[in-house]
Amino acid sequence: TFQMSWDIAPDPARQVLRVMGELAPAPVPRRLLRAI
């Protein structure tokens, strides 16, 4: 199910998720996502 959702997600959205994957299981500030 994870893989299916990953495959469906557009590449830019996947890049956001790749960043979140390297961070803590806590809310990620949009300011930080924009900077990265």
Full PDB file with SEQRES, HELIX, SHEET, SSBOND, CRYST1, ORIGX, SCALE, CONECT and MASTER records, all heavy atoms in Angstrom:
SEQRES   1 A   36  THR PHE GLN MET SER TRP ASP ILE ALA PRO ASP PRO ALA          
SEQRES   2 A   36  ARG GLN VAL LEU ARG VAL MET GLY GLU LEU ALA PRO ALA          
SEQRES   3 A   36  PRO VAL PRO ARG ARG LEU LEU ARG ALA ILE                      
HELIX    1 AA1 PHE A    2  ILE A    8  1                                   7    
HELIX    2 AA2 ASP A   11  GLY A   21  1                                  11    
HELIX    3 AA3 ARG A   30  ALA A   35  1                                   6    
CRYST1    1.000    1.000    1.000  90.00  90.00  90.00 P 1           1          
ORIGX1      1.000000  0.000000  0.000000        0.00000                         
ORIGX2      0.000000  1.000000  0.000000        0.00000                         
ORIGX3      0.000000  0.000000  1.000000        0.00000                         
SCALE1      1.000000  0.000000  0.000000        0.00000                         
SCALE2      0.000000  1.000000  0.000000        0.00000                         
SCALE3      0.000000  0.000000  1.000000        0.00000                         
ATOM      1  N   THR A   1       0.838  -1.205   0.000  1.00  0.00           N  
ATOM      2  CA  THR A   1       0.000   0.000   0.000  1.00  0.00           C  
ATOM      3  C   THR A   1       0.869   1.250   0.000  1.00  0.00           C  
ATOM      4  O   THR A   1       0.615   2.213  -0.743  1.00  0.00           O  
ATOM      5  CB  THR A   1      -0.933   0.010   1.228  1.00  0.00           C  
ATOM      6  OG1 THR A   1      -1.738  -1.154   1.194  1.00  0.00           O  
ATOM      7  CG2 THR A   1      -1.823   1.241   1.229  1.00  0.00           C  
ATOM      8  N   PHE A   2       1.934   1.259   0.850  1.00  0.00           N  
ATOM      9  CA  PHE A   2       2.875   2.382   0.842  1.00  0.00           C  
ATOM     10  C   PHE A   2       3.460   2.555  -0.555  1.00  0.00           C  
ATOM     11  O   PHE A   2       3.534   3.668  -1.093  1.00  0.00           O  
ATOM     12  CB  PHE A   2       4.036   2.136   1.820  1.00  0.00           C  
ATOM     13  CG  PHE A   2       3.674   2.146   3.276  1.00  0.00           C  
ATOM     14  CD1 PHE A   2       4.592   1.691   4.218  1.00  0.00           C  
ATOM     15  CD2 PHE A   2       2.456   2.606   3.723  1.00  0.00           C  
ATOM     16  CE1 PHE A   2       4.283   1.700   5.570  1.00  0.00           C  
ATOM     17  CE2 PHE A   2       2.133   2.617   5.072  1.00  0.00           C  
ATOM     18  CZ  PHE A   2       3.054   2.154   5.988  1.00  0.00           C  
ATOM     19  N   GLN A   3       3.898   1.436  -1.149  1.00  0.00           N  
ATOM     20  CA  GLN A   3       4.553   1.494  -2.450  1.00  0.00           C  
ATOM     21  C   GLN A   3       3.591   2.004  -3.526  1.00  0.00           C  
ATOM     22  O   GLN A   3       3.971   2.799  -4.393  1.00  0.00           O  
ATOM     23  CB  GLN A   3       5.081   0.106  -2.838  1.00  0.00           C  
ATOM     24  CG  GLN A   3       5.831   0.078  -4.160  1.00  0.00           C  
ATOM     25  CD  GLN A   3       7.141   0.851  -4.088  1.00  0.00           C  
ATOM     26  OE1 GLN A   3       7.915   0.675  -3.160  1.00  0.00           O  
ATOM     27  NE2 GLN A   3       7.385   1.722  -5.071  1.00  0.00           N  
ATOM     28  N   MET A   4       2.336   1.554  -3.460  1.00  0.00           N  
ATOM     29  CA  MET A   4       1.354   1.987  -4.452  1.00  0.00           C  
ATOM     30  C   MET A   4       1.140   3.500  -4.366  1.00  0.00           C  
ATOM     31  O   MET A   4       1.126   4.207  -5.381  1.00  0.00           O  
ATOM     32  CB  MET A   4       0.031   1.250  -4.229  1.00  0.00           C  
ATOM     33  CG  MET A   4      -0.999   1.470  -5.326  1.00  0.00           C  
ATOM     34  SD  MET A   4      -2.545   0.600  -4.980  1.00  0.00           S  
ATOM     35  CE  MET A   4      -1.954  -1.088  -4.832  1.00  0.00           C  
ATOM     36  N   SER A   5       0.997   4.012  -3.134  1.00  0.00           N  
ATOM     37  CA  SER A   5       0.818   5.460  -2.962  1.00  0.00           C  
ATOM     38  C   SER A   5       2.060   6.210  -3.446  1.00  0.00           C  
ATOM     39  O   SER A   5       1.959   7.266  -4.075  1.00  0.00           O  
ATOM     40  CB  SER A   5       0.553   5.784  -1.491  1.00  0.00           C  
ATOM     41  OG  SER A   5      -0.643   5.194  -1.059  1.00  0.00           O  
ATOM     42  N   TRP A   6       3.227   5.645  -3.144  1.00  0.00           N  
ATOM     43  CA  TRP A   6       4.491   6.258  -3.594  1.00  0.00           C  
ATOM     44  C   TRP A   6       4.542   6.329  -5.120  1.00  0.00           C  
ATOM     45  O   TRP A   6       4.928   7.344  -5.697  1.00  0.00           O  
ATOM     46  CB  TRP A   6       5.650   5.430  -3.049  1.00  0.00           C  
ATOM     47  CG  TRP A   6       7.008   5.829  -3.523  1.00  0.00           C  
ATOM     48  CD1 TRP A   6       7.706   5.314  -4.579  1.00  0.00           C  
ATOM     49  CD2 TRP A   6       7.850   6.840  -2.950  1.00  0.00           C  
ATOM     50  NE1 TRP A   6       8.923   5.928  -4.712  1.00  0.00           N  
ATOM     51  CE2 TRP A   6       9.044   6.868  -3.723  1.00  0.00           C  
ATOM     52  CE3 TRP A   6       7.723   7.711  -1.879  1.00  0.00           C  
ATOM     53  CZ2 TRP A   6      10.093   7.737  -3.443  1.00  0.00           C  
ATOM     54  CZ3 TRP A   6       8.772   8.577  -1.598  1.00  0.00           C  
ATOM     55  CH2 TRP A   6       9.933   8.589  -2.374  1.00  0.00           C  
ATOM     56  N   ASP A   7       4.143   5.246  -5.775  1.00  0.00           N  
ATOM     57  CA  ASP A   7       4.172   5.203  -7.240  1.00  0.00           C  
ATOM     58  C   ASP A   7       3.193   6.195  -7.860  1.00  0.00           C  
ATOM     59  O   ASP A   7       3.466   6.773  -8.914  1.00  0.00           O  
ATOM     60  CB  ASP A   7       3.846   3.786  -7.734  1.00  0.00           C  
ATOM     61  CG  ASP A   7       4.965   2.796  -7.443  1.00  0.00           C  
ATOM     62  OD1 ASP A   7       6.117   3.246  -7.240  1.00  0.00           O  
ATOM     63  OD2 ASP A   7       4.689   1.583  -7.388  1.00  0.00           O  
ATOM     64  N   ILE A   8       2.050   6.387  -7.195  1.00  0.00           N  
ATOM     65  CA  ILE A   8       1.028   7.288  -7.732  1.00  0.00           C  
ATOM     66  C   ILE A   8       1.428   8.753  -7.557  1.00  0.00           C  
ATOM     67  O   ILE A   8       1.100   9.604  -8.381  1.00  0.00           O  
ATOM     68  CB  ILE A   8      -0.335   7.026  -7.036  1.00  0.00           C  
ATOM     69  CG1 ILE A   8      -0.869   5.643  -7.431  1.00  0.00           C  
ATOM     70  CG2 ILE A   8      -1.357   8.095  -7.386  1.00  0.00           C  
ATOM     71  CD1 ILE A   8      -2.061   5.206  -6.613  1.00  0.00           C  
ATOM     72  N   ALA A   9       2.146   9.059  -6.487  1.00  0.00           N  
ATOM     73  CA  ALA A   9       2.479  10.453  -6.171  1.00  0.00           C  
ATOM     74  C   ALA A   9       3.321  11.073  -7.275  1.00  0.00           C  
ATOM     75  O   ALA A   9       4.262  10.454  -7.778  1.00  0.00           O  
ATOM     76  CB  ALA A   9       3.234  10.524  -4.845  1.00  0.00           C  
ATOM     77  N   PRO A  10       3.006  12.315  -7.677  1.00  0.00           N  
ATOM     78  CA  PRO A  10       3.844  13.016  -8.667  1.00  0.00           C  
ATOM     79  C   PRO A  10       5.255  13.218  -8.104  1.00  0.00           C  
ATOM     80  O   PRO A  10       5.446  13.284  -6.883  1.00  0.00           O  
ATOM     81  CB  PRO A  10       3.134  14.362  -8.851  1.00  0.00           C  
ATOM     82  CG  PRO A  10       1.783  14.203  -8.247  1.00  0.00           C  
ATOM     83  CD  PRO A  10       1.893  13.141  -7.202  1.00  0.00           C  
ATOM     84  N   ASP A  11       6.227  13.331  -8.983  1.00  0.00           N  
ATOM     85  CA  ASP A  11       7.618  13.428  -8.534  1.00  0.00           C  
ATOM     86  C   ASP A  11       7.862  14.596  -7.572  1.00  0.00           C  
ATOM     87  O   ASP A  11       8.550  14.417  -6.559  1.00  0.00           O  
ATOM     88  CB  ASP A  11       8.564  13.522  -9.728  1.00  0.00           C  
ATOM     89  CG  ASP A  11      10.014  13.455  -9.293  1.00  0.00           C  
ATOM     90  OD1 ASP A  11      10.413  12.416  -8.732  1.00  0.00           O  
ATOM     91  OD2 ASP A  11      10.740  14.443  -9.475  1.00  0.00           O  
ATOM     92  N   PRO A  12       7.320  15.817  -7.814  1.00  0.00           N  
ATOM     93  CA  PRO A  12       7.576  16.903  -6.847  1.00  0.00           C  
ATOM     94  C   PRO A  12       7.055  16.576  -5.445  1.00  0.00           C  
ATOM     95  O   PRO A  12       7.704  16.905  -4.443  1.00  0.00           O  
ATOM     96  CB  PRO A  12       6.833  18.101  -7.449  1.00  0.00           C  
ATOM     97  CG  PRO A  12       6.744  17.799  -8.903  1.00  0.00           C  
ATOM     98  CD  PRO A  12       6.576  16.310  -8.989  1.00  0.00           C  
ATOM     99  N   ALA A  13       5.895  15.918  -5.366  1.00  0.00           N  
ATOM    100  CA  ALA A  13       5.361  15.531  -4.063  1.00  0.00           C  
ATOM    101  C   ALA A  13       6.246  14.465  -3.422  1.00  0.00           C  
ATOM    102  O   ALA A  13       6.467  14.453  -2.211  1.00  0.00           O  
ATOM    103  CB  ALA A  13       3.932  15.005  -4.209  1.00  0.00           C  
ATOM    104  N   ARG A  14       6.792  13.580  -4.258  1.00  0.00           N  
ATOM    105  CA  ARG A  14       7.701  12.555  -3.745  1.00  0.00           C  
ATOM    106  C   ARG A  14       8.955  13.188  -3.144  1.00  0.00           C  
ATOM    107  O   ARG A  14       9.499  12.705  -2.155  1.00  0.00           O  
ATOM    108  CB  ARG A  14       8.097  11.622  -4.892  1.00  0.00           C  
ATOM    109  CG  ARG A  14       7.660  10.185  -4.668  1.00  0.00           C  
ATOM    110  CD  ARG A  14       8.185   9.308  -5.776  1.00  0.00           C  
ATOM    111  NE  ARG A  14       7.177   9.155  -6.800  1.00  0.00           N  
ATOM    112  CZ  ARG A  14       7.397   8.607  -7.986  1.00  0.00           C  
ATOM    113  NH1 ARG A  14       8.610   8.191  -8.305  1.00  0.00           N  
ATOM    114  NH2 ARG A  14       6.432   8.487  -8.844  1.00  0.00           N  
ATOM    115  N   GLN A  15       9.416  14.281  -3.765  1.00  0.00           N  
ATOM    116  CA  GLN A  15      10.610  14.967  -3.233  1.00  0.00           C  
ATOM    117  C   GLN A  15      10.340  15.529  -1.839  1.00  0.00           C  
ATOM    118  O   GLN A  15      11.213  15.494  -0.966  1.00  0.00           O  
ATOM    119  CB  GLN A  15      11.051  16.086  -4.180  1.00  0.00           C  
ATOM    120  CG  GLN A  15      11.486  15.617  -5.563  1.00  0.00           C  
ATOM    121  CD  GLN A  15      12.514  14.513  -5.521  1.00  0.00           C  
ATOM    122  OE1 GLN A  15      13.509  14.601  -4.804  1.00  0.00           O  
ATOM    123  NE2 GLN A  15      12.276  13.448  -6.281  1.00  0.00           N  
ATOM    124  N   VAL A  16       9.141  16.048  -1.629  1.00  0.00           N  
ATOM    125  CA  VAL A  16       8.764  16.523  -0.292  1.00  0.00           C  
ATOM    126  C   VAL A  16       8.825  15.362   0.697  1.00  0.00           C  
ATOM    127  O   VAL A  16       9.357  15.480   1.809  1.00  0.00           O  
ATOM    128  CB  VAL A  16       7.346  17.143  -0.303  1.00  0.00           C  
ATOM    129  CG1 VAL A  16       6.890  17.492   1.118  1.00  0.00           C  
ATOM    130  CG2 VAL A  16       7.317  18.388  -1.190  1.00  0.00           C  
ATOM    131  N   LEU A  17       8.291  14.220   0.292  1.00  0.00           N  
ATOM    132  CA  LEU A  17       8.276  13.051   1.174  1.00  0.00           C  
ATOM    133  C   LEU A  17       9.690  12.538   1.425  1.00  0.00           C  
ATOM    134  O   LEU A  17      10.004  12.086   2.529  1.00  0.00           O  
ATOM    135  CB  LEU A  17       7.402  11.963   0.556  1.00  0.00           C  
ATOM    136  CG  LEU A  17       6.709  10.996   1.522  1.00  0.00           C  
ATOM    137  CD1 LEU A  17       5.909  11.741   2.581  1.00  0.00           C  
ATOM    138  CD2 LEU A  17       5.828  10.029   0.759  1.00  0.00           C  
ATOM    139  N   ARG A  18      10.549  12.614   0.414  1.00  0.00           N  
ATOM    140  CA  ARG A  18      11.947  12.197   0.613  1.00  0.00           C  
ATOM    141  C   ARG A  18      12.606  13.040   1.713  1.00  0.00           C  
ATOM    142  O   ARG A  18      13.360  12.522   2.538  1.00  0.00           O  
ATOM    143  CB  ARG A  18      12.742  12.333  -0.693  1.00  0.00           C  
ATOM    144  CG  ARG A  18      12.447  11.251  -1.732  1.00  0.00           C  
ATOM    145  CD  ARG A  18      13.510  11.269  -2.834  1.00  0.00           C  
ATOM    146  NE  ARG A  18      13.171  10.426  -3.960  1.00  0.00           N  
ATOM    147  CZ  ARG A  18      13.376   9.112  -4.023  1.00  0.00           C  
ATOM    148  NH1 ARG A  18      13.900   8.484  -2.973  1.00  0.00           N  
ATOM    149  NH2 ARG A  18      13.067   8.424  -5.116  1.00  0.00           N  
ATOM    150  N   VAL A  19      12.328  14.347   1.700  1.00  0.00           N  
ATOM    151  CA  VAL A  19      12.876  15.225   2.740  1.00  0.00           C  
ATOM    152  C   VAL A  19      12.315  14.829   4.106  1.00  0.00           C  
ATOM    153  O   VAL A  19      13.063  14.675   5.081  1.00  0.00           O  
ATOM    154  CB  VAL A  19      12.553  16.701   2.427  1.00  0.00           C  
ATOM    155  CG1 VAL A  19      12.827  17.591   3.637  1.00  0.00           C  
ATOM    156  CG2 VAL A  19      13.362  17.166   1.219  1.00  0.00           C  
ATOM    157  N   MET A  20      11.014  14.643   4.194  1.00  0.00           N  
ATOM    158  CA  MET A  20      10.403  14.288   5.474  1.00  0.00           C  
ATOM    159  C   MET A  20      10.965  12.961   5.996  1.00  0.00           C  
ATOM    160  O   MET A  20      11.098  12.773   7.209  1.00  0.00           O  
ATOM    161  CB  MET A  20       8.886  14.208   5.329  1.00  0.00           C  
ATOM    162  CG  MET A  20       8.227  15.560   5.088  1.00  0.00           C  
ATOM    163  SD  MET A  20       6.425  15.438   4.940  1.00  0.00           S  
ATOM    164  CE  MET A  20       5.971  14.950   6.623  1.00  0.00           C  
ATOM    165  N   GLY A  21      11.328  12.057   5.075  1.00  0.00           N  
ATOM    166  CA  GLY A  21      11.873  10.772   5.477  1.00  0.00           C  
ATOM    167  C   GLY A  21      13.191  10.877   6.215  1.00  0.00           C  
ATOM    168  O   GLY A  21      13.556   9.969   6.966  1.00  0.00           O  
ATOM    169  N   GLU A  22      13.924  11.967   6.022  1.00  0.00           N  
ATOM    170  CA  GLU A  22      15.203  12.145   6.715  1.00  0.00           C  
ATOM    171  C   GLU A  22      15.053  12.897   8.039  1.00  0.00           C  
ATOM    172  O   GLU A  22      16.046  13.105   8.741  1.00  0.00           O  
ATOM    173  CB  GLU A  22      16.191  12.898   5.811  1.00  0.00           C  
ATOM    174  CG  GLU A  22      16.479  12.215   4.493  1.00  0.00           C  
ATOM    175  CD  GLU A  22      17.056  10.815   4.652  1.00  0.00           C  
ATOM    176  OE1 GLU A  22      17.701  10.541   5.680  1.00  0.00           O  
ATOM    177  OE2 GLU A  22      16.854   9.983   3.742  1.00  0.00           O  
ATOM    178  N   LEU A  23      13.816  13.294   8.366  1.00  0.00           N  
ATOM    179  CA  LEU A  23      13.581  14.111   9.564  1.00  0.00           C  
ATOM    180  C   LEU A  23      12.804  13.322  10.617  1.00  0.00           C  
ATOM    181  O   LEU A  23      12.470  12.156  10.421  1.00  0.00           O  
ATOM    182  CB  LEU A  23      12.847  15.397   9.159  1.00  0.00           C  
ATOM    183  CG  LEU A  23      13.578  16.268   8.128  1.00  0.00           C  
ATOM    184  CD1 LEU A  23      12.711  17.437   7.696  1.00  0.00           C  
ATOM    185  CD2 LEU A  23      14.912  16.760   8.681  1.00  0.00           C  
ATOM    186  N   ALA A  24      12.531  13.969  11.716  1.00  0.00           N  
ATOM    187  CA  ALA A  24      11.879  13.310  12.855  1.00  0.00           C  
ATOM    188  C   ALA A  24      10.391  13.064  12.567  1.00  0.00           C  
ATOM    189  O   ALA A  24       9.796  13.753  11.727  1.00  0.00           O  
ATOM    190  CB  ALA A  24      12.017  14.184  14.100  1.00  0.00           C  
ATOM    191  N   PRO A  25       9.787  12.110  13.270  1.00  0.00           N  
ATOM    192  CA  PRO A  25       8.338  11.892  13.137  1.00  0.00           C  
ATOM    193  C   PRO A  25       7.563  12.962  13.905  1.00  0.00           C  
ATOM    194  O   PRO A  25       6.865  12.683  14.872  1.00  0.00           O  
ATOM    195  CB  PRO A  25       8.142  10.495  13.735  1.00  0.00           C  
ATOM    196  CG  PRO A  25       9.263  10.340  14.701  1.00  0.00           C  
ATOM    197  CD  PRO A  25      10.427  11.108  14.142  1.00  0.00           C  
ATOM    198  N   ALA A  26       7.727  14.194  13.482  1.00  0.00           N  
ATOM    199  CA  ALA A  26       7.086  15.367  14.093  1.00  0.00           C  
ATOM    200  C   ALA A  26       6.700  16.304  12.959  1.00  0.00           C  
ATOM    201  O   ALA A  26       7.212  16.176  11.841  1.00  0.00           O  
ATOM    202  CB  ALA A  26       8.072  16.057  15.048  1.00  0.00           C  
ATOM    203  N   PRO A  27       5.772  17.247  13.200  1.00  0.00           N  
ATOM    204  CA  PRO A  27       5.424  18.193  12.139  1.00  0.00           C  
ATOM    205  C   PRO A  27       6.660  18.886  11.570  1.00  0.00           C  
ATOM    206  O   PRO A  27       7.563  19.278  12.323  1.00  0.00           O  
ATOM    207  CB  PRO A  27       4.498  19.192  12.849  1.00  0.00           C  
ATOM    208  CG  PRO A  27       3.895  18.400  13.969  1.00  0.00           C  
ATOM    209  CD  PRO A  27       4.980  17.477  14.436  1.00  0.00           C  
ATOM    210  N   VAL A  28       6.703  19.001  10.256  1.00  0.00           N  
ATOM    211  CA  VAL A  28       7.843  19.648   9.584  1.00  0.00           C  
ATOM    212  C   VAL A  28       7.400  21.035   9.135  1.00  0.00           C  
ATOM    213  O   VAL A  28       6.493  21.163   8.307  1.00  0.00           O  
ATOM    214  CB  VAL A  28       8.302  18.830   8.358  1.00  0.00           C  
ATOM    215  CG1 VAL A  28       9.510  19.507   7.700  1.00  0.00           C  
ATOM    216  CG2 VAL A  28       8.645  17.401   8.767  1.00  0.00           C  
ATOM    217  N   PRO A  29       7.999  22.093   9.686  1.00  0.00           N  
ATOM    218  CA  PRO A  29       7.571  23.454   9.310  1.00  0.00           C  
ATOM    219  C   PRO A  29       7.706  23.695   7.809  1.00  0.00           C  
ATOM    220  O   PRO A  29       8.697  23.314   7.189  1.00  0.00           O  
ATOM    221  CB  PRO A  29       8.533  24.357  10.096  1.00  0.00           C  
ATOM    222  CG  PRO A  29       9.039  23.507  11.215  1.00  0.00           C  
ATOM    223  CD  PRO A  29       9.074  22.112  10.696  1.00  0.00           C  
ATOM    224  N   ARG A  30       6.691  24.334   7.254  1.00  0.00           N  
ATOM    225  CA  ARG A  30       6.754  24.647   5.813  1.00  0.00           C  
ATOM    226  C   ARG A  30       7.961  25.507   5.496  1.00  0.00           C  
ATOM    227  O   ARG A  30       8.550  25.378   4.419  1.00  0.00           O  
ATOM    228  CB  ARG A  30       5.470  25.360   5.382  1.00  0.00           C  
ATOM    229  CG  ARG A  30       4.247  24.450   5.388  1.00  0.00           C  
ATOM    230  CD  ARG A  30       3.047  25.153   4.776  1.00  0.00           C  
ATOM    231  NE  ARG A  30       1.852  24.310   4.870  1.00  0.00           N  
ATOM    232  CZ  ARG A  30       0.949  24.188   3.904  1.00  0.00           C  
ATOM    233  NH1 ARG A  30       1.088  24.855   2.785  1.00  0.00           N  
ATOM    234  NH2 ARG A  30      -0.099  23.413   4.063  1.00  0.00           N  
ATOM    235  N   ARG A  31       8.339  26.397   6.417  1.00  0.00           N  
ATOM    236  CA  ARG A  31       9.522  27.242   6.199  1.00  0.00           C  
ATOM    237  C   ARG A  31      10.751  26.375   5.927  1.00  0.00           C  
ATOM    238  O   ARG A  31      11.565  26.672   5.052  1.00  0.00           O  
ATOM    239  CB  ARG A  31       9.752  28.122   7.436  1.00  0.00           C  
ATOM    240  CG  ARG A  31      11.025  28.966   7.372  1.00  0.00           C  
ATOM    241  CD  ARG A  31      11.316  29.613   8.724  1.00  0.00           C  
ATOM    242  NE  ARG A  31      12.610  30.275   8.692  1.00  0.00           N  
ATOM    243  CZ  ARG A  31      12.783  31.568   8.468  1.00  0.00           C  
ATOM    244  NH1 ARG A  31      11.749  32.349   8.272  1.00  0.00           N  
ATOM    245  NH2 ARG A  31      13.996  32.085   8.441  1.00  0.00           N  
ATOM    246  N   LEU A  32      10.891  25.290   6.687  1.00  0.00           N  
ATOM    247  CA  LEU A  32      12.036  24.399   6.509  1.00  0.00           C  
ATOM    248  C   LEU A  32      11.947  23.672   5.166  1.00  0.00           C  
ATOM    249  O   LEU A  32      12.943  23.561   4.445  1.00  0.00           O  
ATOM    250  CB  LEU A  32      12.097  23.391   7.655  1.00  0.00           C  
ATOM    251  CG  LEU A  32      13.227  22.365   7.577  1.00  0.00           C  
ATOM    252  CD1 LEU A  32      14.586  23.046   7.600  1.00  0.00           C  
ATOM    253  CD2 LEU A  32      13.125  21.354   8.722  1.00  0.00           C  
ATOM    254  N   LEU A  33      10.771  23.180   4.819  1.00  0.00           N  
ATOM    255  CA  LEU A  33      10.607  22.497   3.531  1.00  0.00           C  
ATOM    256  C   LEU A  33      10.950  23.431   2.375  1.00  0.00           C  
ATOM    257  O   LEU A  33      11.609  23.033   1.407  1.00  0.00           O  
ATOM    258  CB  LEU A  33       9.177  21.982   3.391  1.00  0.00           C  
ATOM    259  CG  LEU A  33       8.801  20.784   4.270  1.00  0.00           C  
ATOM    260  CD1 LEU A  33       7.312  20.506   4.174  1.00  0.00           C  
ATOM    261  CD2 LEU A  33       9.598  19.537   3.872  1.00  0.00           C  
ATOM    262  N   ARG A  34      10.509  24.682   2.471  1.00  0.00           N  
ATOM    263  CA  ARG A  34      10.805  25.643   1.402  1.00  0.00           C  
ATOM    264  C   ARG A  34      12.314  25.859   1.285  1.00  0.00           C  
ATOM    265  O   ARG A  34      12.870  25.959   0.180  1.00  0.00           O  
ATOM    266  CB  ARG A  34      10.105  26.970   1.664  1.00  0.00           C  
ATOM    267  CG  ARG A  34       8.585  26.901   1.536  1.00  0.00           C  
ATOM    268  CD  ARG A  34       7.942  28.281   1.630  1.00  0.00           C  
ATOM    269  NE  ARG A  34       6.493  28.165   1.716  1.00  0.00           N  
ATOM    270  CZ  ARG A  34       5.693  27.915   0.678  1.00  0.00           C  
ATOM    271  NH1 ARG A  34       6.221  27.751  -0.518  1.00  0.00           N  
ATOM    272  NH2 ARG A  34       4.393  27.828   0.841  1.00  0.00           N  
ATOM    273  N   ALA A  35      12.992  25.945   2.441  1.00  0.00           N  
ATOM    274  CA  ALA A  35      14.436  26.176   2.430  1.00  0.00           C  
ATOM    275  C   ALA A  35      15.174  24.985   1.817  1.00  0.00           C  
ATOM    276  O   ALA A  35      16.107  25.156   1.023  1.00  0.00           O  
ATOM    277  CB  ALA A  35      14.932  26.425   3.856  1.00  0.00           C  
ATOM    278  N   ILE A  36      14.757  23.773   2.160  1.00  0.00           N  
ATOM    279  CA  ILE A  36      15.446  22.578   1.667  1.00  0.00           C  
ATOM    280  C   ILE A  36      15.183  22.372   0.181  1.00  0.00           C  
ATOM    281  O   ILE A  36      16.094  22.045  -0.588  1.00  0.00           O  
ATOM    282  CB  ILE A  36      14.998  21.333   2.468  1.00  0.00           C  
ATOM    283  CG1 ILE A  36      15.475  21.440   3.927  1.00  0.00           C  
ATOM    284  CG2 ILE A  36      15.520  20.054   1.825  1.00  0.00           C  
ATOM    285  CD1 ILE A  36      14.875  20.407   4.845  1.00  0.00           C  
TER     286      ILE A  36                                                      
MASTER        0    0    0    3    0    0    0    6  285    1    0    3          
END                                                                             
